C-alpha atoms as a PDB file:
ATOM      1  CA  MET A   1      36.853  14.254  17.948  1.00  0.00           C
ATOM      2  CA  ILE A   2      33.689  12.244  18.587  1.00  0.00           C
ATOM      3  CA  ASP A   3      33.242  10.763  22.049  1.00  0.00           C
ATOM      4  CA  PHE A   4      31.127   7.629  21.759  1.00  0.00           C
ATOM      5  CA  GLY A   5      30.990   7.159  25.502  1.00  0.00           C
ATOM      6  CA  ARG A   6      29.210  10.377  26.411  1.00  0.00           C
ATOM      7  CA  LYS A   7      26.222  12.246  25.081  1.00  0.00           C
ATOM      8  CA  LYS A   8      27.462  15.482  23.537  1.00  0.00           C
ATOM      9  CA  ALA A   9      26.168  18.763  24.856  1.00  0.00           C
ATOM     10  CA  PRO A  10      23.813  20.436  22.377  1.00  0.00           C
ATOM     11  CA  ALA A  11      25.183  23.377  20.426  1.00  0.00           C
ATOM     12  CA  ALA A  12      23.235  26.592  20.166  1.00  0.00           C
ATOM     13  CA  GLY A  13      22.218  25.717  16.603  1.00  0.00           C
ATOM     14  CA  ASP A  14      20.632  22.475  17.772  1.00  0.00           C
ATOM     15  CA  ALA A  15      17.665  24.158  19.478  1.00  0.00           C
ATOM     16  CA  SER A  16      15.260  23.509  16.634  1.00  0.00           C
ATOM     17  CA  ARG A  17      16.381  19.890  16.360  1.00  0.00           C
ATOM     18  CA  GLU A  18      15.879  19.399  20.098  1.00  0.00           C
ATOM     19  CA  ALA A  19      12.419  20.921  19.872  1.00  0.00           C
ATOM     20  CA  ALA A  20      11.517  18.436  17.153  1.00  0.00           C
ATOM     21  CA  ASP A  21      12.930  15.615  19.255  1.00  0.00           C
ATOM     22  CA  ARG A  22      10.798  16.592  22.235  1.00  0.00           C
ATOM     23  CA  ALA A  23       7.738  16.510  20.034  1.00  0.00           C
ATOM     24  CA  THR A  24       8.271  12.820  19.288  1.00  0.00           C
ATOM     25  CA  PRO A  25       5.492  10.684  20.811  1.00  0.00           C
ATOM     26  CA  PRO A  26       6.355   8.756  24.005  1.00  0.00           C
ATOM     27  CA  GLY A  27       8.225   5.557  23.197  1.00  0.00           C
ATOM     28  CA  GLY A  28       9.364   6.818  19.796  1.00  0.00           C
ATOM     29  CA  VAL A  29      12.965   7.272  18.723  1.00  0.00           C
ATOM     30  CA  ARG A  30      14.050  10.884  19.129  1.00  0.00           C
ATOM     31  CA  GLY A  31      15.817  12.712  16.338  1.00  0.00           C
ATOM     32  CA  LEU A  32      16.558  11.840  12.710  1.00  0.00           C
ATOM     33  CA  PHE A  33      20.036  10.461  13.349  1.00  0.00           C
ATOM     34  CA  SER A  34      18.970   8.729  16.552  1.00  0.00           C
ATOM     35  CA  ARG A  35      16.437   6.842  14.454  1.00  0.00           C
ATOM     36  CA  LEU A  36      19.105   6.167  11.860  1.00  0.00           C
ATOM     37  CA  ARG A  37      21.442   4.779  14.541  1.00  0.00           C
ATOM     38  CA  ALA A  38      18.760   2.449  15.862  1.00  0.00           C
ATOM     39  CA  ARG A  39      17.929   1.175  12.386  1.00  0.00           C
ATOM     40  CA  LEU A  40      21.488   0.750  11.164  1.00  0.00           C
ATOM     41  CA  ASN A  41      22.432  -1.186  14.281  1.00  0.00           C
ATOM     42  CA  ARG A  42      19.898  -3.867  13.387  1.00  0.00           C
ATOM     43  CA  GLY A  43      22.130  -5.006  10.525  1.00  0.00           C
ATOM     44  CA  GLU A  44      25.189  -7.217  10.205  1.00  0.00           C
ATOM     45  CA  GLY A  45      27.713  -4.980   8.444  1.00  0.00           C
ATOM     46  CA  LEU A  46      30.765  -3.374  10.022  1.00  0.00           C
ATOM     47  CA  LEU A  47      29.138   0.013  10.310  1.00  0.00           C
ATOM     48  CA  THR A  48      25.890  -1.306  11.791  1.00  0.00           C
ATOM     49  CA  ARG A  49      26.903  -3.165  14.917  1.00  0.00           C
ATOM     50  CA  ASP A  50      29.065  -2.733  17.984  1.00  0.00           C
ATOM     51  CA  LEU A  51      32.701  -2.954  16.906  1.00  0.00           C
ATOM     52  CA  ARG A  52      33.608  -4.497  20.216  1.00  0.00           C
ATOM     53  CA  GLU A  53      32.774  -7.848  18.598  1.00  0.00           C
ATOM     54  CA  LEU A  54      35.969  -7.419  16.599  1.00  0.00           C
ATOM     55  CA  LEU A  55      38.238  -6.821  19.567  1.00  0.00           C
ATOM     56  CA  PRO A  56      37.599  -8.948  22.662  1.00  0.00           C
ATOM     57  CA  GLY A  57      40.942  -8.779  24.449  1.00  0.00           C
ATOM     58  CA  ARG A  58      42.920  -8.254  21.250  1.00  0.00           C
ATOM     59  CA  ARG A  59      45.884  -6.017  20.559  1.00  0.00           C
ATOM     60  CA  ILE A  60      45.551  -3.197  18.068  1.00  0.00           C
ATOM     61  CA  ASP A  61      47.969  -4.468  15.417  1.00  0.00           C
ATOM     62  CA  ALA A  62      48.365  -4.918  11.653  1.00  0.00           C
ATOM     63  CA  GLU A  63      46.381  -8.172  11.642  1.00  0.00           C
ATOM     64  CA  LEU A  64      43.413  -6.554  13.288  1.00  0.00           C
ATOM     65  CA  LEU A  65      43.535  -3.641  10.857  1.00  0.00           C
ATOM     66  CA  ASP A  66      43.489  -6.125   7.978  1.00  0.00           C
ATOM     67  CA  GLU A  67      40.242  -7.518   9.374  1.00  0.00           C
ATOM     68  CA  LEU A  68      38.890  -4.012   9.710  1.00  0.00           C
ATOM     69  CA  GLU A  69      39.808  -3.344   6.068  1.00  0.00           C
ATOM     70  CA  THR A  70      37.809  -6.379   4.967  1.00  0.00           C
ATOM     71  CA  ARG A  71      34.783  -5.188   6.910  1.00  0.00           C
ATOM     72  CA  LEU A  72      35.005  -1.696   5.454  1.00  0.00           C
ATOM     73  CA  LEU A  73      35.084  -3.081   1.930  1.00  0.00           C
ATOM     74  CA  SER A  74      32.146  -5.396   2.620  1.00  0.00           C
ATOM     75  CA  ALA A  75      30.180  -2.406   3.920  1.00  0.00           C
ATOM     76  CA  ASP A  76      30.376  -0.630   0.530  1.00  0.00           C
ATOM     77  CA  VAL A  77      32.937   1.901   1.749  1.00  0.00           C
ATOM     78  CA  GLY A  78      34.888   1.365  -1.475  1.00  0.00           C
ATOM     79  CA  VAL A  79      38.576   0.949  -2.186  1.00  0.00           C
ATOM     80  CA  ASP A  80      39.555   4.628  -2.248  1.00  0.00           C
ATOM     81  CA  ALA A  81      37.845   5.526   1.019  1.00  0.00           C
ATOM     82  CA  THR A  82      39.049   2.364   2.750  1.00  0.00           C
ATOM     83  CA  GLU A  83      42.656   3.045   1.777  1.00  0.00           C
ATOM     84  CA  ARG A  84      42.456   6.606   3.089  1.00  0.00           C
ATOM     85  CA  ILE A  85      40.963   5.485   6.406  1.00  0.00           C
ATOM     86  CA  LEU A  86      43.375   2.584   6.916  1.00  0.00           C
ATOM     87  CA  GLU A  87      46.404   4.676   6.007  1.00  0.00           C
ATOM     88  CA  ASP A  88      45.639   6.965   8.925  1.00  0.00           C
ATOM     89  CA  LEU A  89      45.002   4.088  11.330  1.00  0.00           C
ATOM     90  CA  ARG A  90      48.160   2.204  10.340  1.00  0.00           C
ATOM     91  CA  THR A  91      50.228   5.326  10.904  1.00  0.00           C
ATOM     92  CA  ARG A  92      48.764   5.612  14.388  1.00  0.00           C
ATOM     93  CA  VAL A  93      49.424   1.943  15.137  1.00  0.00           C
ATOM     94  CA  ALA A  94      53.040   2.323  14.041  1.00  0.00           C
ATOM     95  CA  ARG A  95      53.366   5.209  16.498  1.00  0.00           C
ATOM     96  CA  ASN A  96      51.768   3.138  19.270  1.00  0.00           C
ATOM     97  CA  GLU A  97      48.966   5.700  19.548  1.00  0.00           C
ATOM     98  CA  LEU A  98      46.135   3.125  19.644  1.00  0.00           C
ATOM     99  CA  ALA A  99      46.464   1.327  22.933  1.00  0.00           C
ATOM    100  CA  ASP A 100      42.897   0.006  23.291  1.00  0.00           C
ATOM    101  CA  PHE A 101      39.503  -0.271  21.695  1.00  0.00           C
ATOM    102  CA  ASP A 102      38.347   3.187  22.706  1.00  0.00           C
ATOM    103  CA  ALA A 103      41.422   4.731  21.084  1.00  0.00           C
ATOM    104  CA  LEU A 104      40.822   2.772  17.860  1.00  0.00           C
ATOM    105  CA  LEU A 105      37.160   3.718  17.750  1.00  0.00           C
ATOM    106  CA  ALA A 106      37.960   7.386  18.317  1.00  0.00           C
ATOM    107  CA  ALA A 107      40.624   7.288  15.585  1.00  0.00           C
ATOM    108  CA  LEU A 108      38.250   5.540  13.181  1.00  0.00           C
ATOM    109  CA  GLY A 109      35.573   8.135  13.891  1.00  0.00           C
ATOM    110  CA  ALA A 110      38.067  10.954  13.335  1.00  0.00           C
ATOM    111  CA  ALA A 111      39.248   9.470  10.021  1.00  0.00           C
ATOM    112  CA  ILE A 112      35.692   9.036   8.746  1.00  0.00           C
ATOM    113  CA  THR A 113      34.754  12.529   9.912  1.00  0.00           C
ATOM    114  CA  ALA A 114      37.705  14.046   8.046  1.00  0.00           C
ATOM    115  CA  LEU A 115      36.665  12.206   4.895  1.00  0.00           C
ATOM    116  CA  LEU A 116      33.019  13.281   5.118  1.00  0.00           C
ATOM    117  CA  ALA A 117      33.467  16.859   6.306  1.00  0.00           C
ATOM    118  CA  PRO A 118      33.748  18.336   2.778  1.00  0.00           C
ATOM    119  CA  LEU A 119      30.326  16.831   1.937  1.00  0.00           C
ATOM    120  CA  ALA A 120      28.479  18.672   4.691  1.00  0.00           C
ATOM    121  CA  ARG A 121      27.417  21.710   2.681  1.00  0.00           C
ATOM    122  CA  PRO A 122      23.711  22.505   3.042  1.00  0.00           C
ATOM    123  CA  LEU A 123      21.748  23.705   0.045  1.00  0.00           C
ATOM    124  CA  ILE A 124      21.855  27.496  -0.003  1.00  0.00           C
ATOM    125  CA  ILE A 125      18.956  29.212  -1.763  1.00  0.00           C
ATOM    126  CA  GLY A 126      20.492  32.367  -3.186  1.00  0.00           C
ATOM    127  CA  ALA A 127      18.401  35.506  -2.797  1.00  0.00           C
ATOM    128  CA  GLU A 128      19.728  36.845  -6.090  1.00  0.00           C
ATOM    129  CA  GLN A 129      18.256  33.880  -8.004  1.00  0.00           C
ATOM    130  CA  ARG A 130      14.481  33.969  -8.060  1.00  0.00           C
ATOM    131  CA  PRO A 131      13.135  31.522  -8.711  1.00  0.00           C
ATOM    132  CA  PHE A 132      15.948  29.286  -7.558  1.00  0.00           C
ATOM    133  CA  VAL A 133      15.702  26.288  -9.905  1.00  0.00           C
ATOM    134  CA  VAL A 134      16.462  22.794  -8.584  1.00  0.00           C
ATOM    135  CA  LEU A 135      16.605  20.106 -11.277  1.00  0.00           C
ATOM    136  CA  VAL A 136      16.061  16.736  -9.573  1.00  0.00           C
ATOM    137  CA  VAL A 137      17.432  13.652 -11.358  1.00  0.00           C
ATOM    138  CA  GLY A 138      17.953   9.973 -10.624  1.00  0.00           C
ATOM    139  CA  VAL A 139      17.047   6.446 -11.670  1.00  0.00           C
ATOM    140  CA  ASN A 140      13.676   4.772 -11.286  1.00  0.00           C
ATOM    141  CA  GLY A 141      12.891   3.718  -7.739  1.00  0.00           C
ATOM    142  CA  SER A 142      15.449   5.953  -6.044  1.00  0.00           C
ATOM    143  CA  GLY A 143      12.793   7.957  -4.172  1.00  0.00           C
ATOM    144  CA  LYS A 144      13.107  11.020  -6.384  1.00  0.00           C
ATOM    145  CA  THR A 145       9.500  12.226  -6.401  1.00  0.00           C
ATOM    146  CA  THR A 146       9.067  11.529  -2.695  1.00  0.00           C
ATOM    147  CA  SER A 147      12.222  13.513  -1.952  1.00  0.00           C
ATOM    148  CA  ILE A 148      10.839  16.429  -3.967  1.00  0.00           C
ATOM    149  CA  GLY A 149       7.689  16.369  -1.863  1.00  0.00           C
ATOM    150  CA  LYS A 150       9.641  16.312   1.400  1.00  0.00           C
ATOM    151  CA  LEU A 151      11.965  19.079   0.237  1.00  0.00           C
ATOM    152  CA  ALA A 152       8.991  21.184  -0.832  1.00  0.00           C
ATOM    153  CA  ARG A 153       7.538  20.884   2.653  1.00  0.00           C
ATOM    154  CA  ARG A 154      10.870  21.759   4.241  1.00  0.00           C
ATOM    155  CA  LEU A 155      11.251  24.876   2.106  1.00  0.00           C
ATOM    156  CA  ARG A 156       7.651  25.925   2.669  1.00  0.00           C
ATOM    157  CA  ASP A 157       8.097  25.535   6.422  1.00  0.00           C
ATOM    158  CA  GLN A 158      11.102  27.873   6.133  1.00  0.00           C
ATOM    159  CA  GLY A 159       8.788  30.527   4.735  1.00  0.00           C
ATOM    160  CA  ARG A 160       9.665  30.148   1.052  1.00  0.00           C
ATOM    161  CA  THR A 161       7.173  29.928  -1.789  1.00  0.00           C
ATOM    162  CA  VAL A 162       7.605  26.756  -3.840  1.00  0.00           C
ATOM    163  CA  MET A 163       6.384  25.445  -7.184  1.00  0.00           C
ATOM    164  CA  LEU A 164       6.724  21.911  -8.562  1.00  0.00           C
ATOM    165  CA  ALA A 165       7.275  21.015 -12.229  1.00  0.00           C
ATOM    166  CA  ALA A 166       6.009  17.580 -13.294  1.00  0.00           C
ATOM    167  CA  GLY A 167       8.749  16.819 -15.792  1.00  0.00           C
ATOM    168  CA  ASP A 168       8.335  13.042 -15.487  1.00  0.00           C
ATOM    169  CA  THR A 169       5.788  12.676 -18.277  1.00  0.00           C
ATOM    170  CA  PHE A 170       6.452   9.007 -19.064  1.00  0.00           C
ATOM    171  CA  ARG A 171       6.051   7.004 -15.852  1.00  0.00           C
ATOM    172  CA  ALA A 172       2.485   5.954 -15.127  1.00  0.00           C
ATOM    173  CA  ALA A 173       0.939   8.063 -12.354  1.00  0.00           C
ATOM    174  CA  ALA A 174       4.097  10.170 -11.940  1.00  0.00           C
ATOM    175  CA  VAL A 175       2.193  13.413 -12.470  1.00  0.00           C
ATOM    176  CA  GLU A 176      -0.550  12.309 -10.088  1.00  0.00           C
ATOM    177  CA  GLN A 177       2.029  11.437  -7.438  1.00  0.00           C
ATOM    178  CA  LEU A 178       3.638  14.853  -7.690  1.00  0.00           C
ATOM    179  CA  GLU A 179       0.248  16.583  -7.654  1.00  0.00           C
ATOM    180  CA  ALA A 180      -0.615  14.677  -4.469  1.00  0.00           C
ATOM    181  CA  TRP A 181       2.553  16.046  -2.852  1.00  0.00           C
ATOM    182  CA  GLY A 182       1.645  19.490  -4.091  1.00  0.00           C
ATOM    183  CA  ALA A 183      -1.800  19.283  -2.546  1.00  0.00           C
ATOM    184  CA  ARG A 184      -0.377  17.945   0.717  1.00  0.00           C
ATOM    185  CA  ASN A 185       2.120  20.800   0.935  1.00  0.00           C
ATOM    186  CA  ASP A 186      -0.196  23.460  -0.514  1.00  0.00           C
ATOM    187  CA  VAL A 187       2.195  24.298  -3.361  1.00  0.00           C
ATOM    188  CA  PRO A 188       1.275  24.650  -7.058  1.00  0.00           C
ATOM    189  CA  VAL A 189       2.229  22.027  -9.638  1.00  0.00           C
ATOM    190  CA  ILE A 190       2.758  22.733 -13.338  1.00  0.00           C
ATOM    191  CA  SER A 191       2.038  19.726 -15.548  1.00  0.00           C
ATOM    192  CA  GLN A 192       0.975  18.719 -19.052  1.00  0.00           C
ATOM    193  CA  ALA A 193      -0.547  15.637 -20.639  1.00  0.00           C
ATOM    194  CA  ALA A 194       1.209  12.286 -20.435  1.00  0.00           C
ATOM    195  CA  GLY A 195       3.945  11.977 -23.022  1.00  0.00           C
ATOM    196  CA  ALA A 196       4.565  15.716 -23.272  1.00  0.00           C
ATOM    197  CA  ASP A 197       8.082  16.992 -23.845  1.00  0.00           C
ATOM    198  CA  PRO A 198       9.682  17.229 -20.372  1.00  0.00           C
ATOM    199  CA  ALA A 199      11.759  20.227 -21.430  1.00  0.00           C
ATOM    200  CA  ALA A 200       8.596  22.064 -22.496  1.00  0.00           C
ATOM    201  CA  VAL A 201       6.890  21.293 -19.179  1.00  0.00           C
ATOM    202  CA  ILE A 202       9.813  22.587 -17.134  1.00  0.00           C
ATOM    203  CA  PHE A 203      10.195  25.619 -19.416  1.00  0.00           C
ATOM    204  CA  ASP A 204       6.522  26.512 -18.816  1.00  0.00           C
ATOM    205  CA  ALA A 205       6.967  25.957 -15.082  1.00  0.00           C
ATOM    206  CA  LEU A 206       9.919  28.338 -14.912  1.00  0.00           C
ATOM    207  CA  SER A 207       7.964  30.962 -16.860  1.00  0.00           C
ATOM    208  CA  ALA A 208       5.036  30.578 -14.457  1.00  0.00           C
ATOM    209  CA  ALA A 209       7.292  30.685 -11.401  1.00  0.00           C
ATOM    210  CA  ARG A 210       8.865  33.924 -12.581  1.00  0.00           C
ATOM    211  CA  GLY A 211       5.464  35.439 -13.271  1.00  0.00           C
ATOM    212  CA  ARG A 212       4.179  34.549  -9.804  1.00  0.00           C
ATOM    213  CA  GLY A 213       7.309  35.606  -7.923  1.00  0.00           C
ATOM    214  CA  ILE A 214       7.983  32.058  -6.643  1.00  0.00           C
ATOM    215  CA  ASP A 215      11.137  31.566  -4.564  1.00  0.00           C
ATOM    216  CA  VAL A 216      12.016  27.965  -5.504  1.00  0.00           C
ATOM    217  CA  LEU A 217      11.098  25.753  -8.468  1.00  0.00           C
ATOM    218  CA  LEU A 218      11.623  22.014  -7.933  1.00  0.00           C
ATOM    219  CA  ALA A 219      11.637  20.212 -11.286  1.00  0.00           C
ATOM    220  CA  ASP A 220      10.965  16.484 -11.391  1.00  0.00           C
ATOM    221  CA  THR A 221      12.366  14.429 -14.273  1.00  0.00           C
ATOM    222  CA  ALA A 222      11.770  10.935 -15.574  1.00  0.00           C
ATOM    223  CA  GLY A 223      13.749   8.269 -13.761  1.00  0.00           C
ATOM    224  CA  ARG A 224      16.281   6.720 -16.057  1.00  0.00           C
ATOM    225  CA  LEU A 225      19.182   4.327 -16.044  1.00  0.00           C
ATOM    226  CA  GLN A 226      22.517   6.043 -16.319  1.00  0.00           C
ATOM    227  CA  ASN A 227      23.452   3.870 -19.323  1.00  0.00           C
ATOM    228  CA  GLN A 228      20.527   5.095 -21.449  1.00  0.00           C
ATOM    229  CA  ALA A 229      22.338   7.685 -23.531  1.00  0.00           C
ATOM    230  CA  HIS A 230      19.283   9.146 -25.253  1.00  0.00           C
ATOM    231  CA  LEU A 231      17.589   9.784 -21.921  1.00  0.00           C
ATOM    232  CA  MET A 232      20.684  11.468 -20.541  1.00  0.00           C
ATOM    233  CA  ASP A 233      20.633  13.630 -23.679  1.00  0.00           C
ATOM    234  CA  GLU A 234      17.071  14.591 -22.764  1.00  0.00           C
ATOM    235  CA  LEU A 235      18.265  15.895 -19.397  1.00  0.00           C
ATOM    236  CA  ARG A 236      20.923  17.952 -21.137  1.00  0.00           C
ATOM    237  CA  LYS A 237      18.145  19.378 -23.312  1.00  0.00           C
ATOM    238  CA  VAL A 238      16.206  20.389 -20.194  1.00  0.00           C
ATOM    239  CA  LYS A 239      19.247  22.299 -18.948  1.00  0.00           C
ATOM    240  CA  ARG A 240      19.634  24.079 -22.290  1.00  0.00           C
ATOM    241  CA  VAL A 241      15.956  25.047 -22.403  1.00  0.00           C
ATOM    242  CA  LEU A 242      16.048  26.434 -18.843  1.00  0.00           C
ATOM    243  CA  ALA A 243      19.034  28.570 -19.797  1.00  0.00           C
ATOM    244  CA  ARG A 244      16.948  30.324 -22.451  1.00  0.00           C
ATOM    245  CA  ILE A 245      14.965  31.990 -19.670  1.00  0.00           C
ATOM    246  CA  ASP A 246      17.698  32.198 -17.033  1.00  0.00           C
ATOM    247  CA  PRO A 247      21.285  31.613 -18.197  1.00  0.00           C
ATOM    248  CA  SER A 248      22.253  30.615 -14.646  1.00  0.00           C
ATOM    249  CA  ALA A 249      19.550  27.928 -14.336  1.00  0.00           C
ATOM    250  CA  PRO A 250      19.383  25.293 -13.065  1.00  0.00           C
ATOM    251  CA  HIS A 251      21.018  26.593  -9.921  1.00  0.00           C
ATOM    252  CA  GLU A 252      21.196  23.122  -8.385  1.00  0.00           C
ATOM    253  CA  VAL A 253      21.321  19.704 -10.053  1.00  0.00           C
ATOM    254  CA  LEU A 254      20.212  17.406  -7.263  1.00  0.00           C
ATOM    255  CA  LEU A 255      20.870  13.692  -7.742  1.00  0.00           C
ATOM    256  CA  VAL A 256      18.737  11.271  -5.726  1.00  0.00           C
ATOM    257  CA  LEU A 257      20.493   7.981  -4.921  1.00  0.00           C
ATOM    258  CA  ASP A 258      19.171   4.856  -3.217  1.00  0.00           C
ATOM    259  CA  ALA A 259      21.692   3.920  -0.494  1.00  0.00           C
ATOM    260  CA  SER A 260      20.665   0.262  -0.619  1.00  0.00           C
ATOM    261  CA  GLN A 261      22.086   0.065  -4.158  1.00  0.00           C
ATOM    262  CA  GLY A 262      25.610   0.143  -2.732  1.00  0.00           C
ATOM    263  CA  GLN A 263      28.355   0.417  -5.329  1.00  0.00           C
ATOM    264  CA  ASN A 264      25.764   0.728  -8.106  1.00  0.00           C
ATOM    265  CA  ALA A 265      24.738   4.052  -6.540  1.00  0.00           C
ATOM    266  CA  LEU A 266      28.342   5.202  -6.887  1.00  0.00           C
ATOM    267  CA  SER A 267      28.287   4.176 -10.549  1.00  0.00           C
ATOM    268  CA  GLN A 268      25.107   6.192 -11.052  1.00  0.00           C
ATOM    269  CA  ALA A 269      26.685   9.224  -9.415  1.00  0.00           C
ATOM    270  CA  ARG A 270      29.706   9.020 -11.712  1.00  0.00           C
ATOM    271  CA  VAL A 271      27.627   9.008 -14.903  1.00  0.00           C
ATOM    272  CA  PHE A 272      25.106  11.652 -13.851  1.00  0.00           C
ATOM    273  CA  HIS A 273      27.913  13.902 -12.672  1.00  0.00           C
ATOM    274  CA  GLN A 274      29.824  13.535 -15.929  1.00  0.00           C
ATOM    275  CA  ALA A 275      26.706  14.239 -17.995  1.00  0.00           C
ATOM    276  CA  LEU A 276      25.092  17.036 -15.988  1.00  0.00           C
ATOM    277  CA  GLY A 277      27.524  18.407 -13.430  1.00  0.00           C
ATOM    278  CA  VAL A 278      25.711  17.244 -10.298  1.00  0.00           C
ATOM    279  CA  THR A 279      25.949  19.859  -7.530  1.00  0.00           C
ATOM    280  CA  GLY A 280      24.263  17.984  -4.670  1.00  0.00           C
ATOM    281  CA  ILE A 281      23.050  14.545  -3.594  1.00  0.00           C
ATOM    282  CA  VAL A 282      20.041  13.243  -1.710  1.00  0.00           C
ATOM    283  CA  LEU A 283      20.744   9.798  -0.255  1.00  0.00           C
ATOM    284  CA  THR A 284      17.503   7.913   0.389  1.00  0.00           C
ATOM    285  CA  LYS A 285      16.622   4.598   2.052  1.00  0.00           C
ATOM    286  CA  LEU A 286      19.656   4.820   4.294  1.00  0.00           C
ATOM    287  CA  ASP A 287      17.809   2.721   6.849  1.00  0.00           C
ATOM    288  CA  GLY A 288      17.108   0.011   4.265  1.00  0.00           C
ATOM    289  CA  THR A 289      20.667  -1.274   4.135  1.00  0.00           C
ATOM    290  CA  ALA A 290      23.117  -2.743   6.625  1.00  0.00           C
ATOM    291  CA  LYS A 291      25.858  -1.027   4.649  1.00  0.00           C
ATOM    292  CA  GLY A 292      26.033   2.679   5.364  1.00  0.00           C
ATOM    293  CA  GLY A 293      29.484   2.951   3.823  1.00  0.00           C
ATOM    294  CA  ILE A 294      28.380   4.141   0.380  1.00  0.00           C
ATOM    295  CA  VAL A 295      28.451   7.681   1.779  1.00  0.00           C
ATOM    296  CA  LEU A 296      32.201   7.353   2.306  1.00  0.00           C
ATOM    297  CA  ALA A 297      32.730   5.926  -1.176  1.00  0.00           C
ATOM    298  CA  ILE A 298      30.986   8.931  -2.728  1.00  0.00           C
ATOM    299  CA  ALA A 299      33.025  11.295  -0.559  1.00  0.00           C
ATOM    300  CA  ALA A 300      36.370   9.748  -1.492  1.00  0.00           C
ATOM    301  CA  GLU A 301      35.783   9.559  -5.238  1.00  0.00           C
ATOM    302  CA  LEU A 302      33.486  12.445  -6.136  1.00  0.00           C
ATOM    303  CA  GLY A 303      33.307  14.891  -3.246  1.00  0.00           C
ATOM    304  CA  ILE A 304      29.805  16.028  -4.261  1.00  0.00           C
ATOM    305  CA  PRO A 305      27.979  17.733  -1.373  1.00  0.00           C
ATOM    306  CA  LEU A 306      25.475  15.493   0.382  1.00  0.00           C
ATOM    307  CA  ARG A 307      22.553  17.864   0.907  1.00  0.00           C
ATOM    308  CA  TYR A 308      19.956  15.576   2.472  1.00  0.00           C
ATOM    309  CA  VAL A 309      19.437  12.032   3.720  1.00  0.00           C
ATOM    310  CA  GLY A 310      16.240  10.046   4.003  1.00  0.00           C
ATOM    311  CA  ILE A 311      15.589   7.132   6.332  1.00  0.00           C
ATOM    312  CA  GLY A 312      11.877   6.492   5.894  1.00  0.00           C
ATOM    313  CA  GLU A 313       8.608   7.527   4.320  1.00  0.00           C
ATOM    314  CA  SER A 314       7.431  10.308   6.615  1.00  0.00           C
ATOM    315  CA  ALA A 315       8.402  13.955   6.181  1.00  0.00           C
ATOM    316  CA  THR A 316      10.301  13.845   9.500  1.00  0.00           C
ATOM    317  CA  ASP A 317      12.544  11.072   8.120  1.00  0.00           C
ATOM    318  CA  PHE A 318      14.269  13.581   5.848  1.00  0.00           C
ATOM    319  CA  GLY A 319      16.889  16.094   6.875  1.00  0.00           C
ATOM    320  CA  GLU A 320      20.192  17.804   6.215  1.00  0.00           C
ATOM    321  CA  PHE A 321      23.352  15.757   6.381  1.00  0.00           C
ATOM    322  CA  ASP A 322      25.244  16.233   9.654  1.00  0.00           C
ATOM    323  CA  VAL A 323      28.696  14.644   9.731  1.00  0.00           C
ATOM    324  CA  GLU A 324      29.104  14.205  13.473  1.00  0.00           C
ATOM    325  CA  ASP A 325      25.616  12.792  13.947  1.00  0.00           C
ATOM    326  CA  PHE A 326      26.074  10.491  10.969  1.00  0.00           C
ATOM    327  CA  VAL A 327      29.413   9.099  12.175  1.00  0.00           C
ATOM    328  CA  THR A 328      27.890   8.514  15.581  1.00  0.00           C
ATOM    329  CA  ALA A 329      24.999   6.674  13.911  1.00  0.00           C
ATOM    330  CA  LEU A 330      27.465   4.454  12.060  1.00  0.00           C
ATOM    331  CA  LEU A 331      29.821   3.608  14.915  1.00  0.00           C
ATOM    332  CA  ALA A 332      28.036   3.954  18.244  1.00  0.00           C
ATOM    333  CA  PRO A 333      25.692   1.283  19.603  1.00  0.00           C
ATOM    334  CA  PRO A 334      22.050   2.318  20.023  1.00  0.00           C
ATOM    335  CA  VAL A 335      21.209   4.309  23.125  1.00  0.00           C
ATOM    336  CA  THR A 336      19.326   2.226  25.687  1.00  0.00           C
ATOM    337  CA  GLY A 337      15.616   2.503  25.090  1.00  0.00           C
ATOM    338  CA  GLU A 338      15.897   3.471  21.422  1.00  0.00           C
ATOM    339  CA  ARG A 339      14.035   1.387  18.935  1.00  0.00           C
ATOM    340  CA  PRO A 340      13.669   1.496  15.146  1.00  0.00           C
END
């Protein structure tokens, strides 16, 4: 259970996160999810402000839960997730288990945590797969190429060798953008001329990665709308071509979604998953929306692991999804002194 009234004691595994927090400049917001909490709480949605506004002196009853249901739906939580959360809360109300606001908030946090827990599965780079191939997909503007750059840095900092494949051969300056990330992270980039066959580019990149003994290959692809059937067919072709070299590749199909797209992001996830078998999600621009509930909608309907979240442009605004920290960011008011 999450206690929103006290700061939790750090677990042993949090040492590296605390070290990063201490390195934050004076006056800055400490920690990825602390920054997320401060930014989300600027908004007007249910999950971005102090819920005490809903309950001044009120009883926890069916009428109040109806209001809560409306707020969940307006925060892009979605029908399925909202029904699962409210079913638990209504059962507790019927048993007279929610006597006050603190009890309701704790129960809400517990219900959301239970819903999100299956999503908290970090990306595991298997030692038996070398190179480990990550095919990165998503629509235009979702932050796909930027996420590749941030992930490349994260993997490099973990001591892994990384190569990038510039499979987005259609968007203007896409190759240059990826090459800039490669130079910044000191990782090689395999590319061809504009308009080249993306499958051929990624095929060459995998061949080069195998020849050089690279640990991880991150393959960029052209951003596309999920309703463009011929472009989805192109992604299927990329998968088939990769399998010619390594029948198990790609080892991860990573879908990048823009959180500010709300229910449209859920629609994208449905189509990409049906077409490609998405194995993980990166949720970007989480700080750019007052509606953090899309994470719950994805959890309730698809259950695809949420590997990483992004809340800004810098490399430190990108990290693994942590359920407890995320729920705290959604429900707890900002800590005094924090600022976005």
